[in-house]
C-alpha atoms as a PDB file:
ATOM      1  CA  MET A   1       0.033   0.390  -0.042  1.00  0.00           C
ATOM      2  CA  SER A   2       1.002   3.307  -0.884  1.00  0.00           C
ATOM      3  CA  SER A   3       1.936   6.556   1.632  1.00  0.00           C
ATOM      4  CA  THR A   4      -1.404   8.114  -0.576  1.00  0.00           C
ATOM      5  CA  ASP A   5      -3.630   4.900   0.197  1.00  0.00           C
ATOM      6  CA  LYS A   6      -2.345   5.239   4.333  1.00  0.00           C
ATOM      7  CA  SER A   7      -3.147   8.671   4.649  1.00  0.00           C
ATOM      8  CA  GLN A   8      -6.374   8.343   2.933  1.00  0.00           C
ATOM      9  CA  ASP A   9      -7.121   5.699   5.821  1.00  0.00           C
ATOM     10  CA  GLN A  10      -6.317   7.562   8.601  1.00  0.00           C
ATOM     11  CA  PRO A  11      -9.115   9.672   8.882  1.00  0.00           C
ATOM     12  CA  GLN A  12     -11.716   6.787   8.465  1.00  0.00           C
ATOM     13  CA  PRO A  13     -11.362   6.048  12.536  1.00  0.00           C
ATOM     14  CA  LEU A  14     -12.485   9.650  13.717  1.00  0.00           C
ATOM     15  CA  LEU A  15     -14.880  10.230  10.780  1.00  0.00           C
ATOM     16  CA  ALA A  16     -16.675   6.793  12.138  1.00  0.00           C
ATOM     17  CA  HIS A  17     -16.793   8.010  15.618  1.00  0.00           C
ATOM     18  CA  LEU A  18     -17.985  11.704  14.394  1.00  0.00           C
ATOM     19  CA  THR A  19     -20.808   9.716  12.564  1.00  0.00           C
ATOM     20  CA  GLU A  20     -21.626   7.541  15.698  1.00  0.00           C
ATOM     21  CA  LEU A  21     -21.888  10.360  17.458  1.00  0.00           C
ATOM     22  CA  ARG A  22     -24.196  12.406  15.317  1.00  0.00           C
ATOM     23  CA  ASP A  23     -26.140   9.166  15.067  1.00  0.00           C
ATOM     24  CA  LYS A  24     -26.541   9.325  19.221  1.00  0.00           C
ATOM     25  CA  LEU A  25     -26.929  13.397  19.467  1.00  0.00           C
ATOM     26  CA  LEU A  26     -30.086  12.700  16.731  1.00  0.00           C
ATOM     27  CA  ARG A  27     -31.481   9.548  18.414  1.00  0.00           C
ATOM     28  CA  SER A  28     -31.455  11.445  21.990  1.00  0.00           C
ATOM     29  CA  LEU A  29     -33.144  14.806  19.910  1.00  0.00           C
ATOM     30  CA  LEU A  30     -35.808  12.530  18.355  1.00  0.00           C
ATOM     31  CA  ALA A  31     -36.157  10.705  21.856  1.00  0.00           C
ATOM     32  CA  VAL A  32     -36.947  14.001  23.511  1.00  0.00           C
ATOM     33  CA  LEU A  33     -39.379  15.389  20.668  1.00  0.00           C
ATOM     34  CA  ILE A  34     -41.510  11.787  21.337  1.00  0.00           C
ATOM     35  CA  VAL A  35     -41.978  12.457  24.485  1.00  0.00           C
ATOM     36  CA  PHE A  36     -42.710  16.559  23.884  1.00  0.00           C
ATOM     37  CA  ILE A  37     -45.187  15.502  21.221  1.00  0.00           C
ATOM     38  CA  GLY A  38     -46.540  12.967  23.908  1.00  0.00           C
ATOM     39  CA  LEU A  39     -46.808  15.322  26.717  1.00  0.00           C
ATOM     40  CA  PHE A  40     -47.544  18.822  24.937  1.00  0.00           C
ATOM     41  CA  ALA A  41     -51.560  18.080  25.276  1.00  0.00           C
ATOM     42  CA  PHE A  42     -51.223  17.970  28.973  1.00  0.00           C
ATOM     43  CA  ALA A  43     -48.898  21.368  29.015  1.00  0.00           C
ATOM     44  CA  ASN A  44     -51.492  23.142  31.037  1.00  0.00           C
ATOM     45  CA  GLU A  45     -52.504  20.044  33.306  1.00  0.00           C
ATOM     46  CA  ILE A  46     -48.439  19.325  33.819  1.00  0.00           C
ATOM     47  CA  TYR A  47     -48.368  23.514  34.771  1.00  0.00           C
ATOM     48  CA  THR A  48     -51.282  23.523  37.200  1.00  0.00           C
ATOM     49  CA  PHE A  49     -49.449  19.947  39.178  1.00  0.00           C
ATOM     50  CA  VAL A  50     -45.702  22.358  39.457  1.00  0.00           C
ATOM     51  CA  SER A  51     -47.307  25.147  40.844  1.00  0.00           C
ATOM     52  CA  LYS A  52     -49.991  23.544  42.811  1.00  0.00           C
ATOM     53  CA  PRO A  53     -47.435  23.961  46.051  1.00  0.00           C
ATOM     54  CA  LEU A  54     -47.652  27.754  45.771  1.00  0.00           C
ATOM     55  CA  ARG A  55     -51.556  27.441  44.408  1.00  0.00           C
ATOM     56  CA  SER A  56     -52.409  25.917  47.777  1.00  0.00           C
ATOM     57  CA  LEU A  57     -51.085  28.370  49.835  1.00  0.00           C
ATOM     58  CA  LEU A  58     -52.947  31.364  48.691  1.00  0.00           C
ATOM     59  CA  PRO A  59     -55.038  33.264  50.347  1.00  0.00           C
ATOM     60  CA  ASP A  60     -58.597  33.060  48.941  1.00  0.00           C
ATOM     61  CA  GLY A  61     -59.280  35.316  45.921  1.00  0.00           C
ATOM     62  CA  ALA A  62     -55.435  35.223  45.225  1.00  0.00           C
ATOM     63  CA  THR A  63     -54.253  33.566  41.987  1.00  0.00           C
ATOM     64  CA  MET A  64     -51.172  33.376  39.786  1.00  0.00           C
ATOM     65  CA  ILE A  65     -51.247  35.975  36.975  1.00  0.00           C
ATOM     66  CA  ALA A  66     -49.753  36.541  33.463  1.00  0.00           C
ATOM     67  CA  THR A  67     -48.194  39.976  32.585  1.00  0.00           C
ATOM     68  CA  GLU A  68     -46.998  39.214  29.391  1.00  0.00           C
ATOM     69  CA  VAL A  69     -49.471  38.400  25.975  1.00  0.00           C
ATOM     70  CA  ALA A  70     -47.861  34.974  25.308  1.00  0.00           C
ATOM     71  CA  SER A  71     -47.269  33.672  28.868  1.00  0.00           C
ATOM     72  CA  PRO A  72     -50.614  31.596  29.255  1.00  0.00           C
ATOM     73  CA  PHE A  73     -49.034  29.583  25.818  1.00  0.00           C
ATOM     74  CA  LEU A  74     -45.114  29.870  26.222  1.00  0.00           C
ATOM     75  CA  THR A  75     -44.613  29.070  29.971  1.00  0.00           C
ATOM     76  CA  PRO A  76     -46.861  25.822  29.795  1.00  0.00           C
ATOM     77  CA  PHE A  77     -44.731  25.076  26.360  1.00  0.00           C
ATOM     78  CA  LYS A  78     -41.742  26.040  28.103  1.00  0.00           C
ATOM     79  CA  LEU A  79     -42.550  23.885  31.000  1.00  0.00           C
ATOM     80  CA  THR A  80     -43.592  21.417  28.827  1.00  0.00           C
ATOM     81  CA  LEU A  81     -40.122  20.934  27.004  1.00  0.00           C
ATOM     82  CA  VAL A  82     -38.092  20.856  30.216  1.00  0.00           C
ATOM     83  CA  ALA A  83     -40.443  17.776  31.365  1.00  0.00           C
ATOM     84  CA  SER A  84     -39.426  15.869  28.122  1.00  0.00           C
ATOM     85  CA  ILE A  85     -35.674  16.381  28.482  1.00  0.00           C
ATOM     86  CA  PHE A  86     -36.178  15.549  32.129  1.00  0.00           C
ATOM     87  CA  LEU A  87     -38.213  12.079  30.981  1.00  0.00           C
ATOM     88  CA  ALA A  88     -35.992  11.335  28.079  1.00  0.00           C
ATOM     89  CA  ILE A  89     -32.625  11.425  30.573  1.00  0.00           C
ATOM     90  CA  PRO A  90     -32.590   7.724  30.919  1.00  0.00           C
ATOM     91  CA  TYR A  91     -32.670   7.046  27.074  1.00  0.00           C
ATOM     92  CA  VAL A  92     -30.177  10.134  26.532  1.00  0.00           C
ATOM     93  CA  LEU A  93     -27.596   8.611  28.729  1.00  0.00           C
ATOM     94  CA  TYR A  94     -28.003   5.654  27.445  1.00  0.00           C
ATOM     95  CA  GLN A  95     -27.091   6.671  24.295  1.00  0.00           C
ATOM     96  CA  VAL A  96     -23.701   8.133  25.909  1.00  0.00           C
ATOM     97  CA  TRP A  97     -22.871   5.439  28.058  1.00  0.00           C
ATOM     98  CA  SER A  98     -23.443   3.081  24.237  1.00  0.00           C
ATOM     99  CA  PHE A  99     -21.047   5.411  22.611  1.00  0.00           C
ATOM    100  CA  ILE A 100     -18.221   5.412  25.837  1.00  0.00           C
ATOM    101  CA  ALA A 101     -18.977   1.686  26.565  1.00  0.00           C
ATOM    102  CA  PRO A 102     -16.576  -0.272  23.689  1.00  0.00           C
ATOM    103  CA  GLY A 103     -13.713   1.932  24.991  1.00  0.00           C
ATOM    104  CA  MET A 104     -14.029   1.172  28.485  1.00  0.00           C
ATOM    105  CA  TYR A 105     -12.823  -1.951  30.614  1.00  0.00           C
ATOM    106  CA  ARG A 106     -14.554  -5.097  31.615  1.00  0.00           C
ATOM    107  CA  HIS A 107     -14.241  -3.991  35.478  1.00  0.00           C
ATOM    108  CA  GLU A 108     -14.796  -0.541  34.522  1.00  0.00           C
ATOM    109  CA  LYS A 109     -18.014  -1.293  32.846  1.00  0.00           C
ATOM    110  CA  ARG A 110     -18.910  -3.176  36.211  1.00  0.00           C
ATOM    111  CA  LEU A 111     -18.570  -0.159  38.270  1.00  0.00           C
ATOM    112  CA  ALA A 112     -19.877   2.161  35.859  1.00  0.00           C
ATOM    113  CA  ILE A 113     -22.968   0.773  35.078  1.00  0.00           C
ATOM    114  CA  PRO A 114     -24.174   1.059  38.928  1.00  0.00           C
ATOM    115  CA  LEU A 115     -23.065   4.644  38.894  1.00  0.00           C
ATOM    116  CA  LEU A 116     -25.092   5.802  36.010  1.00  0.00           C
ATOM    117  CA  VAL A 117     -27.969   4.084  37.199  1.00  0.00           C
ATOM    118  CA  SER A 118     -27.564   5.568  40.744  1.00  0.00           C
ATOM    119  CA  SER A 119     -26.919   9.129  38.761  1.00  0.00           C
ATOM    120  CA  VAL A 120     -30.271   9.076  37.012  1.00  0.00           C
ATOM    121  CA  LEU A 121     -31.941   7.920  40.450  1.00  0.00           C
ATOM    122  CA  LEU A 122     -30.006  10.478  42.520  1.00  0.00           C
ATOM    123  CA  PHE A 123     -31.352  13.088  40.417  1.00  0.00           C
ATOM    124  CA  TYR A 124     -35.229  12.362  40.471  1.00  0.00           C
ATOM    125  CA  ALA A 125     -34.772  11.876  43.949  1.00  0.00           C
ATOM    126  CA  GLY A 126     -33.444  15.560  44.170  1.00  0.00           C
ATOM    127  CA  ALA A 127     -36.315  16.907  42.352  1.00  0.00           C
ATOM    128  CA  ALA A 128     -39.000  15.089  44.236  1.00  0.00           C
ATOM    129  CA  PHE A 129     -37.384  16.453  47.657  1.00  0.00           C
ATOM    130  CA  ALA A 130     -37.710  19.962  46.160  1.00  0.00           C
ATOM    131  CA  TYR A 131     -41.197  19.912  44.857  1.00  0.00           C
ATOM    132  CA  TYR A 132     -42.821  17.524  48.130  1.00  0.00           C
ATOM    133  CA  VAL A 133     -40.768  18.741  51.086  1.00  0.00           C
ATOM    134  CA  VAL A 134     -39.126  22.362  50.007  1.00  0.00           C
ATOM    135  CA  PHE A 135     -41.500  24.054  48.281  1.00  0.00           C
ATOM    136  CA  PRO A 136     -44.200  23.444  50.840  1.00  0.00           C
ATOM    137  CA  LEU A 137     -42.086  24.708  53.330  1.00  0.00           C
ATOM    138  CA  ILE A 138     -40.635  27.668  51.518  1.00  0.00           C
ATOM    139  CA  PHE A 139     -43.748  28.917  49.705  1.00  0.00           C
ATOM    140  CA  ALA A 140     -45.299  28.885  53.284  1.00  0.00           C
ATOM    141  CA  PHE A 141     -42.588  31.028  54.350  1.00  0.00           C
ATOM    142  CA  PHE A 142     -43.035  33.368  51.500  1.00  0.00           C
ATOM    143  CA  THR A 143     -47.114  33.674  52.336  1.00  0.00           C
ATOM    144  CA  SER A 144     -46.942  34.659  55.742  1.00  0.00           C
ATOM    145  CA  VAL A 145     -44.356  36.997  56.516  1.00  0.00           C
ATOM    146  CA  GLY A 146     -46.000  39.262  53.445  1.00  0.00           C
ATOM    147  CA  PRO A 147     -47.669  42.589  54.876  1.00  0.00           C
ATOM    148  CA  ASP A 148     -51.414  41.749  55.226  1.00  0.00           C
ATOM    149  CA  ASP A 149     -53.003  44.607  52.904  1.00  0.00           C
ATOM    150  CA  ILE A 150     -50.618  42.587  50.283  1.00  0.00           C
ATOM    151  CA  THR A 151     -52.401  40.311  47.743  1.00  0.00           C
ATOM    152  CA  ILE A 152     -50.297  37.784  46.716  1.00  0.00           C
ATOM    153  CA  MET A 153     -50.571  37.375  42.601  1.00  0.00           C
ATOM    154  CA  THR A 154     -47.600  35.578  41.363  1.00  0.00           C
ATOM    155  CA  ASP A 155     -46.238  35.626  37.633  1.00  0.00           C
ATOM    156  CA  ILE A 156     -46.515  32.139  35.718  1.00  0.00           C
ATOM    157  CA  ASN A 157     -43.435  32.736  33.987  1.00  0.00           C
ATOM    158  CA  ARG A 158     -41.271  33.830  37.403  1.00  0.00           C
ATOM    159  CA  TYR A 159     -42.476  31.104  39.182  1.00  0.00           C
ATOM    160  CA  LEU A 160     -41.747  28.770  36.526  1.00  0.00           C
ATOM    161  CA  ASP A 161     -37.854  30.156  36.209  1.00  0.00           C
ATOM    162  CA  PHE A 162     -38.056  29.702  40.092  1.00  0.00           C
ATOM    163  CA  VAL A 163     -38.930  26.379  40.901  1.00  0.00           C
ATOM    164  CA  LEU A 164     -37.078  25.101  37.319  1.00  0.00           C
ATOM    165  CA  LYS A 165     -33.537  26.882  39.498  1.00  0.00           C
ATOM    166  CA  LEU A 166     -34.412  24.841  42.676  1.00  0.00           C
ATOM    167  CA  PHE A 167     -35.263  21.720  40.547  1.00  0.00           C
ATOM    168  CA  PHE A 168     -32.032  21.472  38.925  1.00  0.00           C
ATOM    169  CA  ALA A 169     -30.347  23.059  42.365  1.00  0.00           C
ATOM    170  CA  PHE A 170     -31.667  20.378  44.067  1.00  0.00           C
ATOM    171  CA  GLY A 171     -31.183  17.574  41.265  1.00  0.00           C
ATOM    172  CA  LEU A 172     -27.939  18.513  40.624  1.00  0.00           C
ATOM    173  CA  ALA A 173     -26.735  18.634  44.447  1.00  0.00           C
ATOM    174  CA  PHE A 174     -28.154  14.632  44.944  1.00  0.00           C
ATOM    175  CA  GLU A 175     -25.227  13.563  42.675  1.00  0.00           C
ATOM    176  CA  ILE A 176     -22.824  14.422  45.388  1.00  0.00           C
ATOM    177  CA  PRO A 177     -22.398  10.705  46.106  1.00  0.00           C
ATOM    178  CA  ILE A 178     -21.269  10.195  42.332  1.00  0.00           C
ATOM    179  CA  ALA A 179     -18.990  12.988  42.534  1.00  0.00           C
ATOM    180  CA  ALA A 180     -17.336  11.606  45.420  1.00  0.00           C
ATOM    181  CA  VAL A 181     -17.214   8.109  44.154  1.00  0.00           C
ATOM    182  CA  LEU A 182     -15.877   9.048  41.386  1.00  0.00           C
ATOM    183  CA  MET A 183     -13.262  10.800  42.747  1.00  0.00           C
ATOM    184  CA  ILE A 184     -11.799   8.035  45.110  1.00  0.00           C
ATOM    185  CA  TRP A 185     -12.505   5.341  42.252  1.00  0.00           C
ATOM    186  CA  ALA A 186     -10.099   7.522  40.012  1.00  0.00           C
ATOM    187  CA  GLY A 187      -7.122   8.050  42.670  1.00  0.00           C
ATOM    188  CA  ILE A 188      -7.602  11.630  43.003  1.00  0.00           C
ATOM    189  CA  THR A 189      -8.323  11.476  46.518  1.00  0.00           C
ATOM    190  CA  THR A 190      -9.458   8.831  49.630  1.00  0.00           C
ATOM    191  CA  ALA A 191     -12.172   8.548  51.856  1.00  0.00           C
ATOM    192  CA  ASP A 192      -9.560   9.266  54.806  1.00  0.00           C
ATOM    193  CA  ASP A 193      -8.883  12.369  52.989  1.00  0.00           C
ATOM    194  CA  LEU A 194     -12.587  13.472  52.219  1.00  0.00           C
ATOM    195  CA  ILE A 195     -13.173  12.917  55.980  1.00  0.00           C
ATOM    196  CA  LYS A 196     -10.132  15.411  57.278  1.00  0.00           C
ATOM    197  CA  LYS A 197     -11.643  17.671  55.064  1.00  0.00           C
ATOM    198  CA  ARG A 198     -15.615  17.450  56.271  1.00  0.00           C
ATOM    199  CA  PRO A 199     -15.291  20.851  58.307  1.00  0.00           C
ATOM    200  CA  TYR A 200     -14.451  22.635  54.837  1.00  0.00           C
ATOM    201  CA  ILE A 201     -17.100  20.796  52.989  1.00  0.00           C
ATOM    202  CA  ILE A 202     -19.875  21.438  55.470  1.00  0.00           C
ATOM    203  CA  VAL A 203     -19.178  25.247  54.801  1.00  0.00           C
ATOM    204  CA  GLY A 204     -19.087  24.656  51.630  1.00  0.00           C
ATOM    205  CA  CYS A 205     -22.234  23.141  51.464  1.00  0.00           C
ATOM    206  CA  PHE A 206     -23.639  26.231  52.771  1.00  0.00           C
ATOM    207  CA  VAL A 207     -22.171  28.207  50.470  1.00  0.00           C
ATOM    208  CA  LEU A 208     -23.732  26.467  47.273  1.00  0.00           C
ATOM    209  CA  GLY A 209     -26.744  26.660  49.165  1.00  0.00           C
ATOM    210  CA  MET A 210     -26.537  30.094  49.379  1.00  0.00           C
ATOM    211  CA  LEU A 211     -25.544  30.451  45.611  1.00  0.00           C
ATOM    212  CA  LEU A 212     -27.911  27.965  44.156  1.00  0.00           C
ATOM    213  CA  THR A 213     -31.500  29.189  46.645  1.00  0.00           C
ATOM    214  CA  PRO A 214     -33.252  31.997  46.852  1.00  0.00           C
ATOM    215  CA  PRO A 215     -32.225  34.306  49.630  1.00  0.00           C
ATOM    216  CA  ASP A 216     -33.670  32.607  52.358  1.00  0.00           C
ATOM    217  CA  PHE A 217     -32.548  30.838  55.408  1.00  0.00           C
ATOM    218  CA  ILE A 218     -34.846  28.300  54.841  1.00  0.00           C
ATOM    219  CA  SER A 219     -33.940  27.216  51.536  1.00  0.00           C
ATOM    220  CA  GLN A 220     -30.753  26.957  52.023  1.00  0.00           C
ATOM    221  CA  THR A 221     -30.479  25.212  55.007  1.00  0.00           C
ATOM    222  CA  LEU A 222     -32.720  22.861  53.127  1.00  0.00           C
ATOM    223  CA  LEU A 223     -30.024  22.203  50.800  1.00  0.00           C
ATOM    224  CA  ALA A 224     -27.080  22.306  52.244  1.00  0.00           C
ATOM    225  CA  PHE A 225     -28.061  19.850  55.039  1.00  0.00           C
ATOM    226  CA  PRO A 226     -29.023  16.706  52.216  1.00  0.00           C
ATOM    227  CA  MET A 227     -25.842  17.608  50.493  1.00  0.00           C
ATOM    228  CA  TRP A 228     -23.710  17.380  53.837  1.00  0.00           C
ATOM    229  CA  MET A 229     -25.879  13.974  54.133  1.00  0.00           C
ATOM    230  CA  LEU A 230     -25.053  12.813  50.765  1.00  0.00           C
ATOM    231  CA  PHE A 231     -21.420  13.671  50.981  1.00  0.00           C
ATOM    232  CA  GLU A 232     -21.329  10.946  54.079  1.00  0.00           C
ATOM    233  CA  VAL A 233     -23.220   8.176  51.994  1.00  0.00           C
ATOM    234  CA  GLY A 234     -20.495   9.329  49.112  1.00  0.00           C
ATOM    235  CA  VAL A 235     -17.581   8.364  51.864  1.00  0.00           C
ATOM    236  CA  PHE A 236     -19.219   5.435  52.996  1.00  0.00           C
ATOM    237  CA  PHE A 237     -19.372   3.847  49.405  1.00  0.00           C
ATOM    238  CA  GLY A 238     -15.705   5.170  48.584  1.00  0.00           C
ATOM    239  CA  ARG A 239     -14.615   2.972  51.186  1.00  0.00           C
ATOM    240  CA  PHE A 240     -16.281  -0.241  49.689  1.00  0.00           C
ATOM    241  CA  ILE A 241     -14.496   1.139  46.355  1.00  0.00           C
ATOM    242  CA  GLU A 242     -10.873   1.265  48.023  1.00  0.00           C
ATOM    243  CA  ARG A 243     -11.250  -2.053  49.180  1.00  0.00           C
ATOM    244  CA  ARG A 244     -12.616  -3.797  46.294  1.00  0.00           C
ATOM    245  CA  GLN A 245      -9.051  -1.505  44.265  1.00  0.00           C
ATOM    246  CA  ASP A 246      -6.933  -3.381  47.130  1.00  0.00           C
ATOM    247  CA  ALA A 247      -8.380  -6.898  46.763  1.00  0.00           C
ATOM    248  CA  SER A 248      -7.200  -7.142  43.086  1.00  0.00           C
ATOM    249  CA  THR A 249      -4.138  -5.412  43.606  1.00  0.00           C
ATOM    250  CA  ASP A 250      -3.292  -8.037  46.238  1.00  0.00           C
END
């Protein structure tokens, strides 16, 4: 084979990877689109469900409002799109996994699969915690501290932006055990080192709680405390990873 032929053959593996990546992305987008089409007919019902924690606490005669002309349509539309991505995440992550799995060793796959499944479940758990625990508490606080002569009439778009931020913050915070396990698995740190840094990590949890949540002590604490507990869970399981690694090297 001539040098010209060799130079023509070299780009093919990269081209094949790029083609496969394109196919994975298109399948992921198609999955989100299919879920969105199925949910769009229930867009208003989905918004009603998401806004229930606040609406149930509004005084008699108070209601939510739309301050922009297109908000009654665009706000449920945006929420339905986010919900479609949220529900399609397992399939999207499966596409990511099928793309990177061929380059992994067998023992790496045995650990990566539980971590992948756990990360999805923990994100869902974080969002559920925000909806069922955090929202009732913070909305009860917000609606009770205002002046008596002020009528609460929250804009539907502002409310959606507020709750999506909290959904993302709590979903991301619940990924802390996965991050701790991955760092220990990769050798970046050890369980003992993380335990020694516990005071700094606790302070960091409250700082993140301050940055990721509205400026009130209740929501900051409701995010910081679970982050601390989840860090302890990550360290606990990280010890098992270290024991398995030590056993495999003996």
